[in-house]
PDB file of N, CA and C in Angstrom:
ATOM      1  N   MET A   1     -18.771   0.954  12.519  1.00  0.00           N
ATOM      2  CA  MET A   1     -17.247   1.329  12.410  1.00  0.00           C
ATOM      3  C   MET A   1     -16.924   1.939  11.503  1.00  0.00           C
ATOM      4  N   LYS A   2     -16.495   3.143  11.798  1.00  0.00           N
ATOM      5  CA  LYS A   2     -16.110   4.179  10.947  1.00  0.00           C
ATOM      6  C   LYS A   2     -14.433   4.458  10.898  1.00  0.00           C
ATOM      7  N   LYS A   3     -13.684   4.094  11.913  1.00  0.00           N
ATOM      8  CA  LYS A   3     -12.405   4.129  11.623  1.00  0.00           C
ATOM      9  C   LYS A   3     -11.736   2.811  12.015  1.00  0.00           C
ATOM     10  N   ILE A   4     -10.642   2.473  10.740  1.00  0.00           N
ATOM     11  CA  ILE A   4     -10.228   1.285  10.972  1.00  0.00           C
ATOM     12  C   ILE A   4      -8.574   1.296  11.107  1.00  0.00           C
ATOM     13  N   GLY A   5      -7.810   0.757  12.007  1.00  0.00           N
ATOM     14  CA  GLY A   5      -6.523   0.521  12.124  1.00  0.00           C
ATOM     15  C   GLY A   5      -5.985  -0.752  11.106  1.00  0.00           C
ATOM     16  N   ILE A   6      -4.727  -0.408  10.649  1.00  0.00           N
ATOM     17  CA  ILE A   6      -4.173  -1.466  10.248  1.00  0.00           C
ATOM     18  C   ILE A   6      -2.858  -1.886  10.284  1.00  0.00           C
ATOM     19  N   VAL A   7      -2.403  -2.871  11.107  1.00  0.00           N
ATOM     20  CA  VAL A   7      -1.208  -3.045  11.390  1.00  0.00           C
ATOM     21  C   VAL A   7      -0.526  -4.528  10.544  1.00  0.00           C
ATOM     22  N   SER A   8       0.416  -4.223  10.159  1.00  0.00           N
ATOM     23  CA  SER A   8       1.249  -5.431   9.157  1.00  0.00           C
ATOM     24  C   SER A   8       2.490  -5.916   9.400  1.00  0.00           C
ATOM     25  N   LYS A   9       2.954  -7.128   9.300  1.00  0.00           N
ATOM     26  CA  LYS A   9       4.248  -7.405   9.520  1.00  0.00           C
ATOM     27  C   LYS A   9       5.296  -7.003   9.220  1.00  0.00           C
ATOM     28  N   ALA A  10       5.914  -6.263   9.884  1.00  0.00           N
ATOM     29  CA  ALA A  10       7.308  -5.398   9.384  1.00  0.00           C
ATOM     30  C   ALA A  10       8.203  -6.167   8.473  1.00  0.00           C
ATOM     31  N   GLY A  11       8.462  -5.384   7.468  1.00  0.00           N
ATOM     32  CA  GLY A  11       9.736  -5.701   6.511  1.00  0.00           C
ATOM     33  C   GLY A  11       9.210  -6.770   5.440  1.00  0.00           C
ATOM     34  N   ARG A  12       7.552  -7.190   5.297  1.00  0.00           N
ATOM     35  CA  ARG A  12       6.946  -7.964   4.274  1.00  0.00           C
ATOM     36  C   ARG A  12       6.466  -7.307   3.022  1.00  0.00           C
ATOM     37  N   SER A  13       6.542  -7.589   2.099  1.00  0.00           N
ATOM     38  CA  SER A  13       6.169  -6.796   0.699  1.00  0.00           C
ATOM     39  C   SER A  13       4.573  -7.314   0.564  1.00  0.00           C
ATOM     40  N   GLU A  14       4.027  -8.586   1.089  1.00  0.00           N
ATOM     41  CA  GLU A  14       2.651  -8.995   0.727  1.00  0.00           C
ATOM     42  C   GLU A  14       1.614  -7.833   1.218  1.00  0.00           C
ATOM     43  N   PRO A  15       1.849  -7.665   2.482  1.00  0.00           N
ATOM     44  CA  PRO A  15       0.874  -6.764   3.240  1.00  0.00           C
ATOM     45  C   PRO A  15       0.719  -5.311   2.279  1.00  0.00           C
ATOM     46  N   ILE A  16       1.755  -5.183   1.783  1.00  0.00           N
ATOM     47  CA  ILE A  16       1.888  -3.817   1.047  1.00  0.00           C
ATOM     48  C   ILE A  16       0.875  -4.209  -0.520  1.00  0.00           C
ATOM     49  N   GLU A  17       1.443  -5.083  -0.878  1.00  0.00           N
ATOM     50  CA  GLU A  17       0.675  -5.271  -2.241  1.00  0.00           C
ATOM     51  C   GLU A  17      -1.068  -5.786  -1.969  1.00  0.00           C
ATOM     52  N   ILE A  18      -1.419  -5.962  -0.866  1.00  0.00           N
ATOM     53  CA  ILE A  18      -2.682  -6.316  -0.556  1.00  0.00           C
ATOM     54  C   ILE A  18      -3.105  -4.871  -0.124  1.00  0.00           C
ATOM     55  N   LEU A  19      -2.630  -4.044   0.507  1.00  0.00           N
ATOM     56  CA  LEU A  19      -3.212  -2.808   0.614  1.00  0.00           C
ATOM     57  C   LEU A  19      -3.333  -1.611  -0.203  1.00  0.00           C
ATOM     58  N   LYS A  20      -2.457  -1.896  -1.591  1.00  0.00           N
ATOM     59  CA  LYS A  20      -2.815  -1.364  -2.932  1.00  0.00           C
ATOM     60  C   LYS A  20      -4.177  -1.358  -3.626  1.00  0.00           C
ATOM     61  N   ASP A  21      -4.762  -2.602  -3.045  1.00  0.00           N
ATOM     62  CA  ASP A  21      -6.410  -2.467  -3.436  1.00  0.00           C
ATOM     63  C   ASP A  21      -7.016  -2.211  -2.057  1.00  0.00           C
ATOM     64  N   PHE A  22      -6.710  -2.450  -0.869  1.00  0.00           N
ATOM     65  CA  PHE A  22      -7.906  -2.694   0.238  1.00  0.00           C
ATOM     66  C   PHE A  22      -8.145  -1.004   0.610  1.00  0.00           C
ATOM     67  N   LEU A  23      -6.860  -0.511   0.728  1.00  0.00           N
ATOM     68  CA  LEU A  23      -7.195   0.902   0.782  1.00  0.00           C
ATOM     69  C   LEU A  23      -8.129   1.567   0.236  1.00  0.00           C
ATOM     70  N   PRO A  24      -8.134   1.460  -1.361  1.00  0.00           N
ATOM     71  CA  PRO A  24      -8.919   2.175  -1.956  1.00  0.00           C
ATOM     72  C   PRO A  24     -10.281   1.595  -1.665  1.00  0.00           C
ATOM     73  N   TRP A  25     -10.603   0.595  -1.430  1.00  0.00           N
ATOM     74  CA  TRP A  25     -11.911  -0.150  -1.304  1.00  0.00           C
ATOM     75  C   TRP A  25     -12.240   0.362   0.434  1.00  0.00           C
ATOM     76  N   LEU A  26     -11.841   0.436   1.115  1.00  0.00           N
ATOM     77  CA  LEU A  26     -11.912   1.299   2.244  1.00  0.00           C
ATOM     78  C   LEU A  26     -12.517   2.787   2.204  1.00  0.00           C
ATOM     79  N   ASN A  27     -11.412   3.406   1.561  1.00  0.00           N
ATOM     80  CA  ASN A  27     -12.125   4.572   1.104  1.00  0.00           C
ATOM     81  C   ASN A  27     -13.152   4.825   0.529  1.00  0.00           C
ATOM     82  N   ASN A  28     -13.663   3.850  -0.669  1.00  0.00           N
ATOM     83  CA  ASN A  28     -15.040   3.695  -1.221  1.00  0.00           C
ATOM     84  C   ASN A  28     -16.253   3.935  -0.369  1.00  0.00           C
ATOM     85  N   LYS A  29     -15.980   3.454   0.766  1.00  0.00           N
ATOM     86  CA  LYS A  29     -16.553   2.631   1.852  1.00  0.00           C
ATOM     87  C   LYS A  29     -17.029   3.842   2.946  1.00  0.00           C
ATOM     88  N   GLY A  30     -16.159   4.820   2.656  1.00  0.00           N
ATOM     89  CA  GLY A  30     -16.108   5.985   3.438  1.00  0.00           C
ATOM     90  C   GLY A  30     -15.522   5.895   4.898  1.00  0.00           C
ATOM     91  N   LEU A  31     -14.762   5.173   5.165  1.00  0.00           N
ATOM     92  CA  LEU A  31     -14.057   4.580   6.325  1.00  0.00           C
ATOM     93  C   LEU A  31     -12.591   5.462   6.322  1.00  0.00           C
ATOM     94  N   GLU A  32     -12.397   5.727   7.604  1.00  0.00           N
ATOM     95  CA  GLU A  32     -11.094   6.621   8.207  1.00  0.00           C
ATOM     96  C   GLU A  32     -10.230   5.567   8.440  1.00  0.00           C
ATOM     97  N   VAL A  33      -8.924   5.490   7.543  1.00  0.00           N
ATOM     98  CA  VAL A  33      -7.660   4.483   8.011  1.00  0.00           C
ATOM     99  C   VAL A  33      -6.483   4.925   8.567  1.00  0.00           C
ATOM    100  N   PHE A  34      -6.301   4.551   9.681  1.00  0.00           N
ATOM    101  CA  PHE A  34      -5.091   4.438  10.345  1.00  0.00           C
ATOM    102  C   PHE A  34      -3.928   3.602  10.289  1.00  0.00           C
ATOM    103  N   LEU A  35      -3.012   3.591   9.411  1.00  0.00           N
ATOM    104  CA  LEU A  35      -2.038   2.583   9.393  1.00  0.00           C
ATOM    105  C   LEU A  35      -0.472   2.960  10.299  1.00  0.00           C
ATOM    106  N   ASP A  36      -0.379   1.621  10.853  1.00  0.00           N
ATOM    107  CA  ASP A  36       0.920   1.681  11.677  1.00  0.00           C
ATOM    108  C   ASP A  36       2.221   2.345  10.973  1.00  0.00           C
ATOM    109  N   THR A  37       2.862   3.043  11.861  1.00  0.00           N
ATOM    110  CA  THR A  37       4.015   3.724  11.056  1.00  0.00           C
ATOM    111  C   THR A  37       4.716   2.907  10.310  1.00  0.00           C
ATOM    112  N   GLU A  38       5.374   1.946  10.358  1.00  0.00           N
ATOM    113  CA  GLU A  38       5.934   1.083   9.520  1.00  0.00           C
ATOM    114  C   GLU A  38       5.324   0.920   8.279  1.00  0.00           C
ATOM    115  N   THR A  39       3.923   0.247   8.292  1.00  0.00           N
ATOM    116  CA  THR A  39       3.569   0.334   7.142  1.00  0.00           C
ATOM    117  C   THR A  39       3.110   1.435   6.453  1.00  0.00           C
ATOM    118  N   ALA A  40       2.696   2.575   7.029  1.00  0.00           N
ATOM    119  CA  ALA A  40       2.626   3.671   5.993  1.00  0.00           C
ATOM    120  C   ALA A  40       4.021   4.430   5.300  1.00  0.00           C
ATOM    121  N   ALA A  41       5.206   4.174   6.146  1.00  0.00           N
ATOM    122  CA  ALA A  41       6.207   4.536   5.225  1.00  0.00           C
ATOM    123  C   ALA A  41       6.802   4.036   4.186  1.00  0.00           C
ATOM    124  N   LEU A  42       6.051   2.574   4.160  1.00  0.00           N
ATOM    125  CA  LEU A  42       6.495   1.856   2.852  1.00  0.00           C
ATOM    126  C   LEU A  42       5.672   2.371   1.692  1.00  0.00           C
ATOM    127  N   LEU A  43       4.289   2.730   2.012  1.00  0.00           N
ATOM    128  CA  LEU A  43       3.153   3.023   1.052  1.00  0.00           C
ATOM    129  C   LEU A  43       3.672   4.782   1.037  1.00  0.00           C
ATOM    130  N   LYS A  44       4.564   5.351   1.796  1.00  0.00           N
ATOM    131  CA  LYS A  44       4.660   6.804   1.690  1.00  0.00           C
ATOM    132  C   LYS A  44       3.464   7.518   2.040  1.00  0.00           C
ATOM    133  N   ILE A  45       2.765   7.200   3.070  1.00  0.00           N
ATOM    134  CA  ILE A  45       1.518   8.343   3.469  1.00  0.00           C
ATOM    135  C   ILE A  45       1.896   8.436   4.962  1.00  0.00           C
ATOM    136  N   LYS A  46       1.114   9.135   5.811  1.00  0.00           N
ATOM    137  CA  LYS A  46       1.069   9.019   6.848  1.00  0.00           C
ATOM    138  C   LYS A  46       1.065   7.884   8.051  1.00  0.00           C
ATOM    139  N   GLY A  47       1.741   7.634   9.081  1.00  0.00           N
ATOM    140  CA  GLY A  47       1.502   6.662   9.877  1.00  0.00           C
ATOM    141  C   GLY A  47       1.151   7.106  11.326  1.00  0.00           C
ATOM    142  N   TYR A  48       0.653   6.295  12.415  1.00  0.00           N
ATOM    143  CA  TYR A  48       0.473   6.427  13.588  1.00  0.00           C
ATOM    144  C   TYR A  48       0.887   5.142  14.416  1.00  0.00           C
ATOM    145  N   PRO A  49       1.720   5.482  15.513  1.00  0.00           N
ATOM    146  CA  PRO A  49       2.351   4.510  16.207  1.00  0.00           C
ATOM    147  C   PRO A  49       1.394   3.701  16.903  1.00  0.00           C
ATOM    148  N   ARG A  50       1.671   2.522  16.926  1.00  0.00           N
ATOM    149  CA  ARG A  50       0.999   1.308  17.121  1.00  0.00           C
ATOM    150  C   ARG A  50       0.222   1.097  18.490  1.00  0.00           C
ATOM    151  N   SER A  51       1.200   1.883  19.579  1.00  0.00           N
ATOM    152  CA  SER A  51       0.670   2.281  20.627  1.00  0.00           C
ATOM    153  C   SER A  51      -0.290   3.287  20.958  1.00  0.00           C
ATOM    154  N   GLU A  52      -0.779   3.784  19.810  1.00  0.00           N
ATOM    155  CA  GLU A  52      -1.834   4.724  19.687  1.00  0.00           C
ATOM    156  C   GLU A  52      -2.871   4.305  19.000  1.00  0.00           C
ATOM    157  N   MET A  53      -2.953   3.364  18.315  1.00  0.00           N
ATOM    158  CA  MET A  53      -3.984   3.018  17.575  1.00  0.00           C
ATOM    159  C   MET A  53      -5.191   2.732  18.490  1.00  0.00           C
ATOM    160  N   PRO A  54      -5.398   1.740  19.467  1.00  0.00           N
ATOM    161  CA  PRO A  54      -6.679   1.554  20.306  1.00  0.00           C
ATOM    162  C   PRO A  54      -7.553   2.966  20.836  1.00  0.00           C
ATOM    163  N   SER A  55      -6.556   3.610  20.724  1.00  0.00           N
ATOM    164  CA  SER A  55      -7.231   5.013  21.261  1.00  0.00           C
ATOM    165  C   SER A  55      -7.877   5.544  19.820  1.00  0.00           C
ATOM    166  N   LEU A  56      -7.464   4.835  18.852  1.00  0.00           N
ATOM    167  CA  LEU A  56      -7.956   5.933  17.588  1.00  0.00           C
ATOM    168  C   LEU A  56      -9.094   5.275  16.537  1.00  0.00           C
ATOM    169  N   VAL A  57      -9.071   4.138  16.912  1.00  0.00           N
ATOM    170  CA  VAL A  57      -9.893   3.297  15.789  1.00  0.00           C
ATOM    171  C   VAL A  57     -10.994   2.369  16.718  1.00  0.00           C
ATOM    172  N   ASP A  58     -11.882   1.952  15.873  1.00  0.00           N
ATOM    173  CA  ASP A  58     -13.274   1.221  16.164  1.00  0.00           C
ATOM    174  C   ASP A  58     -12.392  -0.176  15.943  1.00  0.00           C
ATOM    175  N   MET A  59     -11.876  -0.611  15.130  1.00  0.00           N
ATOM    176  CA  MET A  59     -11.319  -1.991  14.844  1.00  0.00           C
ATOM    177  C   MET A  59      -9.967  -2.092  14.267  1.00  0.00           C
ATOM    178  N   ILE A  60      -9.486  -2.939  14.626  1.00  0.00           N
ATOM    179  CA  ILE A  60      -7.743  -2.917  13.828  1.00  0.00           C
ATOM    180  C   ILE A  60      -7.758  -4.662  12.709  1.00  0.00           C
ATOM    181  N   VAL A  61      -7.640  -4.315  11.618  1.00  0.00           N
ATOM    182  CA  VAL A  61      -7.071  -5.581  10.808  1.00  0.00           C
ATOM    183  C   VAL A  61      -5.600  -5.573  10.582  1.00  0.00           C
ATOM    184  N   VAL A  62      -5.338  -6.816  11.220  1.00  0.00           N
ATOM    185  CA  VAL A  62      -4.160  -7.296  11.251  1.00  0.00           C
ATOM    186  C   VAL A  62      -3.425  -7.943  10.186  1.00  0.00           C
ATOM    187  N   LEU A  63      -2.475  -7.612   9.289  1.00  0.00           N
ATOM    188  CA  LEU A  63      -2.094  -8.455   8.277  1.00  0.00           C
ATOM    189  C   LEU A  63      -1.006  -9.255   8.373  1.00  0.00           C
ATOM    190  N   GLY A  64      -0.905 -10.699   8.486  1.00  0.00           N
ATOM    191  CA  GLY A  64       0.199 -11.159   8.891  1.00  0.00           C
ATOM    192  C   GLY A  64      -0.303 -12.514   9.411  1.00  0.00           C
ATOM    193  N   GLY A  65       0.677 -13.041  10.255  1.00  0.00           N
ATOM    194  CA  GLY A  65       0.592 -14.506  10.877  1.00  0.00           C
ATOM    195  C   GLY A  65       0.042 -13.820  12.201  1.00  0.00           C
ATOM    196  N   ASP A  66       0.341 -15.457  12.814  1.00  0.00           N
ATOM    197  CA  ASP A  66      -0.599 -15.596  14.032  1.00  0.00           C
ATOM    198  C   ASP A  66       0.760 -14.171  15.374  1.00  0.00           C
ATOM    199  N   GLY A  67       1.868 -14.707  14.920  1.00  0.00           N
ATOM    200  CA  GLY A  67       2.740 -13.735  15.739  1.00  0.00           C
ATOM    201  C   GLY A  67       2.135 -12.132  15.835  1.00  0.00           C
ATOM    202  N   THR A  68       1.856 -11.547  14.304  1.00  0.00           N
ATOM    203  CA  THR A  68       1.527 -10.224  14.428  1.00  0.00           C
ATOM    204  C   THR A  68       0.425 -10.076  15.197  1.00  0.00           C
ATOM    205  N   MET A  69      -0.940 -11.042  15.053  1.00  0.00           N
ATOM    206  CA  MET A  69      -2.087 -11.108  15.593  1.00  0.00           C
ATOM    207  C   MET A  69      -1.831 -10.947  17.115  1.00  0.00           C
ATOM    208  N   LEU A  70      -0.746 -11.524  17.828  1.00  0.00           N
ATOM    209  CA  LEU A  70      -0.636 -11.757  19.074  1.00  0.00           C
ATOM    210  C   LEU A  70      -0.019 -10.295  19.935  1.00  0.00           C
ATOM    211  N   ASN A  71       0.904  -9.904  18.622  1.00  0.00           N
ATOM    212  CA  ASN A  71       1.235  -8.455  18.999  1.00  0.00           C
ATOM    213  C   ASN A  71       0.367  -7.279  19.271  1.00  0.00           C
ATOM    214  N   ALA A  72      -0.506  -7.524  18.012  1.00  0.00           N
ATOM    215  CA  ALA A  72      -2.129  -6.655  18.113  1.00  0.00           C
ATOM    216  C   ALA A  72      -3.090  -6.617  19.317  1.00  0.00           C
ATOM    217  N   ALA A  73      -2.977  -7.834  19.892  1.00  0.00           N
ATOM    218  CA  ALA A  73      -4.021  -8.449  20.834  1.00  0.00           C
ATOM    219  C   ALA A  73      -3.388  -7.670  22.269  1.00  0.00           C
ATOM    220  N   ARG A  74      -2.140  -7.678  21.959  1.00  0.00           N
ATOM    221  CA  ARG A  74      -1.293  -7.119  23.412  1.00  0.00           C
ATOM    222  C   ARG A  74      -1.836  -5.552  23.457  1.00  0.00           C
ATOM    223  N   LEU A  75      -1.893  -5.122  22.131  1.00  0.00           N
ATOM    224  CA  LEU A  75      -1.920  -3.407  22.179  1.00  0.00           C
ATOM    225  C   LEU A  75      -3.378  -2.924  22.690  1.00  0.00           C
ATOM    226  N   VAL A  76      -4.576  -4.040  22.449  1.00  0.00           N
ATOM    227  CA  VAL A  76      -5.763  -3.687  22.534  1.00  0.00           C
ATOM    228  C   VAL A  76      -6.332  -4.502  23.772  1.00  0.00           C
ATOM    229  N   CYS A  77      -5.694  -5.032  24.256  1.00  0.00           N
ATOM    230  CA  CYS A  77      -6.155  -6.091  25.437  1.00  0.00           C
ATOM    231  C   CYS A  77      -6.889  -4.926  26.548  1.00  0.00           C
ATOM    232  N   GLU A  78      -6.602  -3.921  26.915  1.00  0.00           N
ATOM    233  CA  GLU A  78      -7.245  -2.790  27.892  1.00  0.00           C
ATOM    234  C   GLU A  78      -8.511  -1.938  27.272  1.00  0.00           C
ATOM    235  N   LYS A  79      -8.296  -1.715  26.118  1.00  0.00           N
ATOM    236  CA  LYS A  79      -9.166  -0.961  25.424  1.00  0.00           C
ATOM    237  C   LYS A  79     -10.376  -1.850  24.621  1.00  0.00           C
ATOM    238  N   GLY A  80     -10.497  -2.926  24.562  1.00  0.00           N
ATOM    239  CA  GLY A  80     -11.399  -4.099  24.038  1.00  0.00           C
ATOM    240  C   GLY A  80     -11.628  -4.018  22.850  1.00  0.00           C
ATOM    241  N   VAL A  81     -10.446  -3.201  21.761  1.00  0.00           N
ATOM    242  CA  VAL A  81     -10.894  -3.011  20.194  1.00  0.00           C
ATOM    243  C   VAL A  81     -10.642  -4.376  19.669  1.00  0.00           C
ATOM    244  N   PRO A  82     -11.935  -4.544  18.857  1.00  0.00           N
ATOM    245  CA  PRO A  82     -11.876  -5.845  17.888  1.00  0.00           C
ATOM    246  C   PRO A  82     -10.895  -6.345  17.074  1.00  0.00           C
ATOM    247  N   ILE A  83     -10.229  -7.483  16.862  1.00  0.00           N
ATOM    248  CA  ILE A  83      -9.250  -7.508  15.792  1.00  0.00           C
ATOM    249  C   ILE A  83      -9.860  -8.445  14.663  1.00  0.00           C
ATOM    250  N   LEU A  84      -9.654  -7.968  13.101  1.00  0.00           N
ATOM    251  CA  LEU A  84      -9.606  -8.902  12.421  1.00  0.00           C
ATOM    252  C   LEU A  84      -8.705  -9.607  11.918  1.00  0.00           C
ATOM    253  N   GLY A  85      -8.213 -10.639  11.871  1.00  0.00           N
ATOM    254  CA  GLY A  85      -6.743 -11.088  11.607  1.00  0.00           C
ATOM    255  C   GLY A  85      -6.756 -12.201  10.427  1.00  0.00           C
ATOM    256  N   VAL A  86      -5.942 -11.371   9.437  1.00  0.00           N
ATOM    257  CA  VAL A  86      -5.862 -11.885   7.951  1.00  0.00           C
ATOM    258  C   VAL A  86      -4.486 -12.888   7.674  1.00  0.00           C
ATOM    259  N   ASN A  87      -4.467 -14.007   7.620  1.00  0.00           N
ATOM    260  CA  ASN A  87      -3.508 -14.714   7.757  1.00  0.00           C
ATOM    261  C   ASN A  87      -2.251 -14.552   6.171  1.00  0.00           C
ATOM    262  N   LEU A  88      -1.465 -14.021   6.856  1.00  0.00           N
ATOM    263  CA  LEU A  88      -0.339 -13.911   5.430  1.00  0.00           C
ATOM    264  C   LEU A  88       0.790 -15.059   6.089  1.00  0.00           C
ATOM    265  N   GLY A  89       0.780 -16.222   6.833  1.00  0.00           N
ATOM    266  CA  GLY A  89       1.619 -16.881   7.537  1.00  0.00           C
ATOM    267  C   GLY A  89       1.178 -18.346   6.959  1.00  0.00           C
ATOM    268  N   GLY A  90       1.583 -19.083   7.800  1.00  0.00           N
ATOM    269  CA  GLY A  90       1.677 -20.928   7.356  1.00  0.00           C
ATOM    270  C   GLY A  90       0.256 -20.705   7.982  1.00  0.00           C
ATOM    271  N   LEU A  91       0.258 -21.399   9.422  1.00  0.00           N
ATOM    272  CA  LEU A  91      -0.747 -22.426   9.497  1.00  0.00           C
ATOM    273  C   LEU A  91      -1.867 -21.411   9.830  1.00  0.00           C
ATOM    274  N   GLY A  92      -1.778 -20.311  10.724  1.00  0.00           N
ATOM    275  CA  GLY A  92      -3.193 -19.254  11.161  1.00  0.00           C
ATOM    276  C   GLY A  92      -3.912 -19.888  12.208  1.00  0.00           C
ATOM    277  N   PHE A  93      -3.453 -20.438  13.087  1.00  0.00           N
ATOM    278  CA  PHE A  93      -4.213 -20.710  14.085  1.00  0.00           C
ATOM    279  C   PHE A  93      -5.247 -19.811  14.759  1.00  0.00           C
ATOM    280  N   ILE A  94      -4.811 -18.551  14.442  1.00  0.00           N
ATOM    281  CA  ILE A  94      -5.630 -17.409  15.282  1.00  0.00           C
ATOM    282  C   ILE A  94      -6.113 -16.151  14.218  1.00  0.00           C
ATOM    283  N   THR A  95      -5.482 -16.337  13.354  1.00  0.00           N
ATOM    284  CA  THR A  95      -5.563 -15.208  11.937  1.00  0.00           C
ATOM    285  C   THR A  95      -6.782 -16.388  11.037  1.00  0.00           C
ATOM    286  N   GLU A  96      -7.867 -15.863  11.280  1.00  0.00           N
ATOM    287  CA  GLU A  96      -8.835 -16.741  10.400  1.00  0.00           C
ATOM    288  C   GLU A  96      -9.344 -16.461   9.248  1.00  0.00           C
ATOM    289  N   VAL A  97      -9.138 -15.047   8.616  1.00  0.00           N
ATOM    290  CA  VAL A  97      -9.195 -14.705   7.332  1.00  0.00           C
ATOM    291  C   VAL A  97      -8.031 -15.327   6.367  1.00  0.00           C
ATOM    292  N   ARG A  98      -8.447 -15.466   5.457  1.00  0.00           N
ATOM    293  CA  ARG A  98      -7.275 -15.502   4.319  1.00  0.00           C
ATOM    294  C   ARG A  98      -7.482 -14.412   3.661  1.00  0.00           C
ATOM    295  N   LYS A  99      -6.406 -14.042   2.736  1.00  0.00           N
ATOM    296  CA  LYS A  99      -6.243 -12.396   2.145  1.00  0.00           C
ATOM    297  C   LYS A  99      -7.417 -12.664   1.354  1.00  0.00           C
ATOM    298  N   GLU A 100      -7.709 -13.718   0.424  1.00  0.00           N
ATOM    299  CA  GLU A 100      -8.838 -13.821  -0.494  1.00  0.00           C
ATOM    300  C   GLU A 100     -10.089 -13.060  -0.308  1.00  0.00           C
ATOM    301  N   GLU A 101     -10.323 -13.641   1.263  1.00  0.00           N
ATOM    302  CA  GLU A 101     -11.792 -13.509   1.665  1.00  0.00           C
ATOM    303  C   GLU A 101     -12.000 -11.924   2.445  1.00  0.00           C
ATOM    304  N   LEU A 102     -10.712 -11.010   2.218  1.00  0.00           N
ATOM    305  CA  LEU A 102     -10.569  -9.841   3.205  1.00  0.00           C
ATOM    306  C   LEU A 102     -11.745  -8.813   2.926  1.00  0.00           C
ATOM    307  N   SER A 103     -11.774  -8.482   1.892  1.00  0.00           N
ATOM    308  CA  SER A 103     -13.092  -7.533   1.344  1.00  0.00           C
ATOM    309  C   SER A 103     -14.369  -8.193   2.059  1.00  0.00           C
ATOM    310  N   ASP A 104     -14.677  -9.482   1.741  1.00  0.00           N
ATOM    311  CA  ASP A 104     -15.920 -10.240   2.352  1.00  0.00           C
ATOM    312  C   ASP A 104     -15.975 -10.173   3.582  1.00  0.00           C
ATOM    313  N   ALA A 105     -15.150 -10.460   4.245  1.00  0.00           N
ATOM    314  CA  ALA A 105     -14.993 -10.561   5.816  1.00  0.00           C
ATOM    315  C   ALA A 105     -15.252  -8.872   6.050  1.00  0.00           C
ATOM    316  N   MET A 106     -14.831  -7.950   5.691  1.00  0.00           N
ATOM    317  CA  MET A 106     -14.853  -6.564   6.032  1.00  0.00           C
ATOM    318  C   MET A 106     -16.419  -6.221   5.933  1.00  0.00           C
ATOM    319  N   ASP A 107     -16.970  -6.466   4.540  1.00  0.00           N
ATOM    320  CA  ASP A 107     -18.308  -6.326   4.422  1.00  0.00           C
ATOM    321  C   ASP A 107     -19.057  -6.725   5.587  1.00  0.00           C
ATOM    322  N   LYS A 108     -18.936  -7.962   5.652  1.00  0.00           N
ATOM    323  CA  LYS A 108     -19.852  -8.542   6.871  1.00  0.00           C
ATOM    324  C   LYS A 108     -19.619  -8.029   8.422  1.00  0.00           C
ATOM    325  N   THR A 109     -18.449  -7.424   8.204  1.00  0.00           N
ATOM    326  CA  THR A 109     -17.961  -6.630   9.931  1.00  0.00           C
ATOM    327  C   THR A 109     -19.101  -5.516   9.741  1.00  0.00           C
ATOM    328  N   LEU A 110     -18.860  -5.122   8.601  1.00  0.00           N
ATOM    329  CA  LEU A 110     -19.573  -3.531   8.772  1.00  0.00           C
ATOM    330  C   LEU A 110     -20.922  -3.813   8.583  1.00  0.00           C
ATOM    331  N   LEU A 111     -21.412  -4.472   8.318  1.00  0.00           N
ATOM    332  CA  LEU A 111     -22.815  -5.036   8.366  1.00  0.00           C
ATOM    333  C   LEU A 111     -23.165  -5.665   9.814  1.00  0.00           C
ATOM    334  N   GLY A 112     -22.248  -5.883  10.759  1.00  0.00           N
ATOM    335  CA  GLY A 112     -22.678  -6.335  12.119  1.00  0.00           C
ATOM    336  C   GLY A 112     -22.734  -7.840  12.182  1.00  0.00           C
ATOM    337  N   GLU A 113     -22.319  -8.425  10.986  1.00  0.00           N
ATOM    338  CA  GLU A 113     -22.089  -9.705  11.141  1.00  0.00           C
ATOM    339  C   GLU A 113     -20.959 -10.427  11.331  1.00  0.00           C
ATOM    340  N   TYR A 114     -20.889 -10.215  12.692  1.00  0.00           N
ATOM    341  CA  TYR A 114     -19.836 -10.692  13.381  1.00  0.00           C
ATOM    342  C   TYR A 114     -19.850 -11.140  14.403  1.00  0.00           C
ATOM    343  N   SER A 115     -18.721 -11.667  15.256  1.00  0.00           N
ATOM    344  CA  SER A 115     -19.087 -12.325  16.357  1.00  0.00           C
ATOM    345  C   SER A 115     -17.728 -11.842  17.260  1.00  0.00           C
ATOM    346  N   ILE A 116     -16.962 -11.787  18.446  1.00  0.00           N
ATOM    347  CA  ILE A 116     -16.297 -11.468  18.992  1.00  0.00           C
ATOM    348  C   ILE A 116     -15.699 -12.347  19.896  1.00  0.00           C
ATOM    349  N   GLU A 117     -14.504 -13.253  20.109  1.00  0.00           N
ATOM    350  CA  GLU A 117     -14.393 -14.369  20.955  1.00  0.00           C
ATOM    351  C   GLU A 117     -13.198 -13.402  22.152  1.00  0.00           C
ATOM    352  N   ASP A 118     -13.654 -13.747  23.021  1.00  0.00           N
ATOM    353  CA  ASP A 118     -13.055 -13.283  24.301  1.00  0.00           C
ATOM    354  C   ASP A 118     -11.493 -14.310  24.295  1.00  0.00           C
ATOM    355  N   ARG A 119     -10.203 -13.844  24.234  1.00  0.00           N
ATOM    356  CA  ARG A 119      -9.108 -14.897  24.198  1.00  0.00           C
ATOM    357  C   ARG A 119      -8.427 -14.304  25.277  1.00  0.00           C
TER     358      ARG A 119
END
C-alpha cells in the first residue's frame, strides 16, 4: 500500500493533533497521503473530496468514532478499499485501534500483517 487516505471527524481538534505527528511518520515511510478536504483545510494543505478518496487510495485511515467509521464505509463499499479505524470516540465498537496504537497498527498493515473483515 503506497497511497493512504485519511478521513477524520469534522470540527474536532484531536485528529489534527494526531496528524501533526502521523503525517511526517507516513512521509518518512515513502507513502503518498490524501486528506479529506475538511481535515486538510485545518492543516492548511491540499485536500480531496471524500467522494473521490476510494478512487485515489489503497486504504483509508479513519480518525474518529464509530459514526465517522460508518460514513467512511459507505464511501468505499463499492470499491472495497480497506479501512483502518482509529477510535477517538467513546466505546469504539467498530474502530478497533486506539490512537496510541496507530503507528504500530500501520507498521503491521504495511508489512501485510492484517486481516480484512467484511461487514
